[in-house]
């Protein structure tokens, strides 16, 4: 169970990335925060930041292993398949900025 400091840090990270990267579905942009995926992603990213082990490759692995259900469970797609390359780069920058401010 996370302590209060870690919980606050994860919430802060989620807030920092929620409006920085988006999913592209049929040219419609849905930001991580609007899709309610920012906290899930922050929970997976924070341990890397805390251990100073964050890399773009680690982010790509996390995105690939994070499933997003579509159509009320009719289909599942990895987050990596839904985030365009440019938006992924924005996400990397946002996480790196957050890490610098830690």
Protein backbone atom coordinates (compact mmCIF):
# COMPACT_ATOMS: atom_id res chain seq x y z
CA UNK A 1 0.00 0.00 0.00
CA UNK A 2 1.37 3.39 -0.97
CA UNK A 3 2.05 5.94 1.72
CA UNK A 4 0.44 9.39 1.62
CA UNK A 5 3.55 10.99 0.10
CA UNK A 6 3.70 8.45 -2.70
CA UNK A 7 -0.03 8.76 -3.33
CA UNK A 8 0.29 12.55 -3.61
CA UNK A 9 3.29 12.17 -5.94
CA UNK A 10 1.34 9.79 -8.19
CA UNK A 11 -1.59 12.21 -8.24
CA UNK A 12 0.77 15.04 -9.17
CA UNK A 13 2.34 12.97 -11.94
CA UNK A 14 -1.10 12.03 -13.23
CA UNK A 15 -2.04 15.70 -13.32
CA UNK A 16 1.20 16.54 -15.12
CA UNK A 17 0.59 14.03 -17.91
CA UNK A 18 -3.21 14.07 -18.18
CA UNK A 19 -3.36 16.87 -20.73
CA UNK A 20 -0.02 16.27 -22.45
CA UNK A 21 -0.65 13.10 -24.44
CA UNK A 22 -3.68 11.86 -26.28
CA UNK A 23 -5.15 8.78 -27.86
CA UNK A 24 -5.99 9.10 -31.53
CA UNK A 25 -9.17 7.28 -32.49
CA UNK A 26 -10.43 8.01 -36.01
CA UNK A 27 -8.56 11.35 -35.92
CA UNK A 28 -10.34 12.23 -32.69
CA UNK A 29 -7.95 13.21 -29.87
CA UNK A 30 -8.82 11.98 -26.40
CA UNK A 31 -6.35 13.15 -23.77
CA UNK A 32 -5.16 10.69 -21.14
CA UNK A 33 -6.94 12.60 -18.38
CA UNK A 34 -10.24 12.63 -20.26
CA UNK A 35 -9.89 8.91 -20.94
CA UNK A 36 -9.18 8.31 -17.21
CA UNK A 37 -5.88 6.65 -18.11
CA UNK A 38 -3.53 9.24 -16.61
CA UNK A 39 -3.63 7.78 -13.09
CA UNK A 40 -3.14 4.19 -14.29
CA UNK A 41 -0.13 5.33 -16.29
CA UNK A 42 1.23 7.45 -13.42
CA UNK A 43 1.03 4.44 -11.07
CA UNK A 44 3.19 2.46 -13.49
CA UNK A 45 5.63 5.28 -14.21
CA UNK A 46 6.21 6.59 -10.70
CA UNK A 47 8.35 3.68 -9.45
CA UNK A 48 10.72 4.26 -12.39
CA UNK A 49 10.96 7.95 -11.53
CA UNK A 50 11.51 7.21 -7.85
CA UNK A 51 14.35 4.84 -8.79
CA UNK A 52 15.72 7.29 -11.38
CA UNK A 53 15.23 4.56 -14.00
CA UNK A 54 12.85 6.32 -16.40
CA UNK A 55 13.76 5.98 -20.07
CA UNK A 56 11.79 6.35 -23.26
CA UNK A 57 12.21 2.60 -23.82
CA UNK A 58 10.69 1.90 -20.40
CA UNK A 59 7.77 4.17 -21.27
CA UNK A 60 7.23 2.31 -24.55
CA UNK A 61 7.19 -0.99 -22.63
CA UNK A 62 4.63 0.38 -20.17
CA UNK A 63 2.44 1.71 -22.98
CA UNK A 64 2.64 -1.64 -24.77
CA UNK A 65 1.65 -3.55 -21.64
CA UNK A 66 -1.23 -1.24 -20.71
CA UNK A 67 -4.49 -2.48 -22.21
CA UNK A 68 -7.38 -0.22 -23.12
CA UNK A 69 -10.81 -1.77 -23.54
CA UNK A 70 -13.03 -0.48 -26.32
CA UNK A 71 -16.69 -1.02 -27.08
CA UNK A 72 -17.62 -2.03 -23.54
CA UNK A 73 -15.07 -4.82 -23.60
CA UNK A 74 -15.57 -6.00 -27.17
CA UNK A 75 -11.96 -5.21 -28.04
CA UNK A 76 -8.71 -4.57 -26.23
CA UNK A 77 -5.86 -2.49 -27.64
CA UNK A 78 -2.53 -1.56 -26.13
CA UNK A 79 -2.08 2.06 -25.16
CA UNK A 80 1.01 2.09 -27.38
CA UNK A 81 -1.19 1.46 -30.42
CA UNK A 82 -3.46 4.39 -29.57
CA UNK A 83 -0.92 7.14 -28.84
CA UNK A 84 0.64 8.72 -31.96
CA UNK A 85 4.42 9.14 -32.06
CA UNK A 86 4.26 12.93 -31.65
CA UNK A 87 1.98 12.62 -28.65
CA UNK A 88 4.25 9.96 -27.14
CA UNK A 89 7.14 12.42 -27.46
CA UNK A 90 5.04 15.01 -25.60
CA UNK A 91 4.44 12.42 -22.89
CA UNK A 92 8.17 11.72 -22.58
CA UNK A 93 8.86 15.46 -22.19
CA UNK A 94 6.12 15.85 -19.58
CA UNK A 95 7.44 12.92 -17.54
CA UNK A 96 11.03 14.20 -17.79
CA UNK A 97 9.89 17.67 -16.65
CA UNK A 98 8.05 16.12 -13.72
CA UNK A 99 11.15 14.11 -12.81
CA UNK A 100 13.36 17.22 -12.86
CA UNK A 101 10.99 18.90 -10.41
CA UNK A 102 10.85 15.93 -8.03
